[in-house]
C-alpha cells in the first residue's frame, strides 16, 4: 500500500522543494516534447507543400513547352495566367488541350474542370 504525501515520513521543506523541482522539470520536458512534435509536423507540412508546388510547376512548364514546341505564340498575359494557376485539374485540362489548339484562346476556351465537393 502506498502512503499519501501527508503521511510520508520524510515530508518536509527539503522534500517539497525537490518534488516541486521534479514537477517543473517534468513540465519543461513535456513542453519540449510538444515543441519537438510541432517542429516535426511543420517540417513535414513544408516538405509536402514543396512537393505540391514542384508538381504544379511541372504541369505549368509542360503546358508552356508543348505550346512552344507546336509554335503557338503565348502572350505575357497568357503566360502569366498559366504560371499563376494552382489548380491541378485546370492545368491537366490545359495540358491535354495544348497538344491540339492553335491559339491560347482555344486553350482557355471550353468548360472548366468539374470540382469535387
Protein backbone atom coordinates (compact mmCIF):
# COMPACT_ATOMS: atom_id res chain seq x y z
CA UNK A 1 0.00 0.00 0.00
CA UNK A 2 1.28 3.46 -0.88
CA UNK A 3 1.43 6.21 1.67
CA UNK A 4 -0.10 9.55 0.91
CA UNK A 5 2.25 12.51 0.76
CA UNK A 6 0.98 13.91 4.05
CA UNK A 7 1.83 10.67 5.88
CA UNK A 8 5.15 10.13 4.18
CA UNK A 9 7.71 10.21 6.98
CA UNK A 10 10.23 12.42 5.18
CA UNK A 11 7.74 15.02 4.01
CA UNK A 12 9.17 18.41 4.74
CA UNK A 13 10.50 21.60 3.14
CA UNK A 14 13.50 19.90 1.51
CA UNK A 15 11.35 17.12 0.07
CA UNK A 16 8.72 19.58 -1.07
CA UNK A 17 11.36 21.74 -2.81
CA UNK A 18 12.76 18.77 -4.74
CA UNK A 19 9.28 17.49 -5.51
CA UNK A 20 8.41 20.93 -6.93
CA UNK A 21 11.63 20.91 -8.97
CA UNK A 22 10.70 17.48 -10.33
CA UNK A 23 7.27 18.71 -11.30
CA UNK A 24 8.75 21.75 -13.07
CA UNK A 25 11.32 19.58 -14.84
CA UNK A 26 8.54 17.25 -16.00
CA UNK A 27 6.59 20.22 -17.34
CA UNK A 28 9.66 21.50 -19.20
CA UNK A 29 10.29 18.08 -20.72
CA UNK A 30 6.66 17.74 -21.87
CA UNK A 31 6.79 21.24 -23.33
CA UNK A 32 9.99 20.39 -25.23
CA UNK A 33 8.46 17.12 -26.46
CA UNK A 34 5.38 19.00 -27.67
CA UNK A 35 7.51 21.67 -29.38
CA UNK A 36 9.62 18.97 -30.99
CA UNK A 37 6.48 17.32 -32.39
CA UNK A 38 5.17 20.66 -33.66
CA UNK A 39 8.52 21.38 -35.36
CA UNK A 40 8.49 17.93 -36.97
CA UNK A 41 4.93 18.47 -38.23
CA UNK A 42 5.86 21.91 -39.56
CA UNK A 43 8.84 20.40 -41.43
CA UNK A 44 6.59 17.69 -42.85
CA UNK A 45 4.00 20.25 -43.92
CA UNK A 46 6.73 22.33 -45.56
CA UNK A 47 8.08 19.27 -47.36
CA UNK A 48 4.59 18.36 -48.60
CA UNK A 49 3.93 21.92 -49.74
CA UNK A 50 7.24 21.93 -51.61
CA UNK A 51 6.35 18.67 -53.33
CA UNK A 52 2.97 20.02 -54.38
CA UNK A 53 4.48 23.26 -55.68
CA UNK A 54 7.09 21.30 -57.61
CA UNK A 55 4.44 19.05 -59.11
CA UNK A 56 2.31 22.04 -60.14
CA UNK A 57 5.35 23.75 -61.62
CA UNK A 58 5.98 20.67 -63.73
CA UNK A 59 2.45 20.83 -65.15
CA UNK A 60 2.81 24.57 -65.81
CA UNK A 61 6.09 24.06 -67.66
CA UNK A 62 4.64 21.16 -69.62
CA UNK A 63 1.73 23.30 -70.89
CA UNK A 64 4.10 26.06 -71.99
CA UNK A 65 6.66 23.70 -73.54
CA UNK A 66 4.02 21.89 -75.60
CA UNK A 67 2.58 25.19 -76.84
CA UNK A 68 6.06 26.47 -77.71
CA UNK A 69 7.01 23.22 -79.46
CA UNK A 70 3.88 23.46 -81.58
CA UNK A 71 4.57 27.08 -82.48
CA UNK A 72 1.62 28.53 -80.58
CA UNK A 73 2.54 32.09 -79.62
CA UNK A 74 1.77 32.86 -75.98
CA UNK A 75 1.50 36.47 -74.82
CA UNK A 76 2.87 37.65 -71.49
CA UNK A 77 -0.69 37.87 -70.16
CA UNK A 78 -1.49 34.30 -71.24
CA UNK A 79 1.82 33.05 -69.87
CA UNK A 80 1.03 34.75 -66.54
CA UNK A 81 -2.39 33.08 -66.48
CA UNK A 82 -0.79 29.67 -66.88
CA UNK A 83 2.08 30.28 -64.45
CA UNK A 84 -0.30 31.73 -61.87
CA UNK A 85 -2.61 28.72 -61.89
CA UNK A 86 -2.50 26.49 -58.79
CA UNK A 87 -5.40 24.24 -59.77
CA UNK A 88 -4.11 20.80 -60.77
CA UNK A 89 -7.35 19.89 -62.56
CA UNK A 90 -7.22 23.07 -64.64
CA UNK A 91 -3.57 22.52 -65.52
CA UNK A 92 -4.35 18.98 -66.65
CA UNK A 93 -7.15 20.28 -68.90
CA UNK A 94 -4.81 22.88 -70.39
CA UNK A 95 -2.05 20.31 -70.95
CA UNK A 96 -4.42 17.99 -72.76
CA UNK A 97 -5.72 20.87 -74.89
CA UNK A 98 -2.21 22.18 -75.60
CA UNK A 99 -1.48 19.27 -77.93
CA UNK A 100 -4.25 20.31 -80.34
CA UNK A 101 -5.00 24.06 -80.00
CA UNK A 102 -3.87 26.68 -82.48
CA UNK A 103 -4.11 29.64 -80.08
CA UNK A 104 -4.13 30.47 -76.37
CA UNK A 105 -7.79 31.48 -76.78
CA UNK A 106 -8.59 27.87 -77.68
CA UNK A 107 -6.53 26.70 -74.72
CA UNK A 108 -8.57 28.78 -72.30
CA UNK A 109 -11.94 28.20 -74.02
CA UNK A 110 -14.33 25.46 -73.09
CA UNK A 111 -15.76 24.08 -69.90
CA UNK A 112 -13.82 24.34 -66.67
CA UNK A 113 -12.92 21.08 -64.95
CA UNK A 114 -15.55 19.67 -62.61
CA UNK A 115 -14.85 20.48 -58.97
CA UNK A 116 -15.27 17.78 -56.37
CA UNK A 117 -17.18 18.86 -53.29
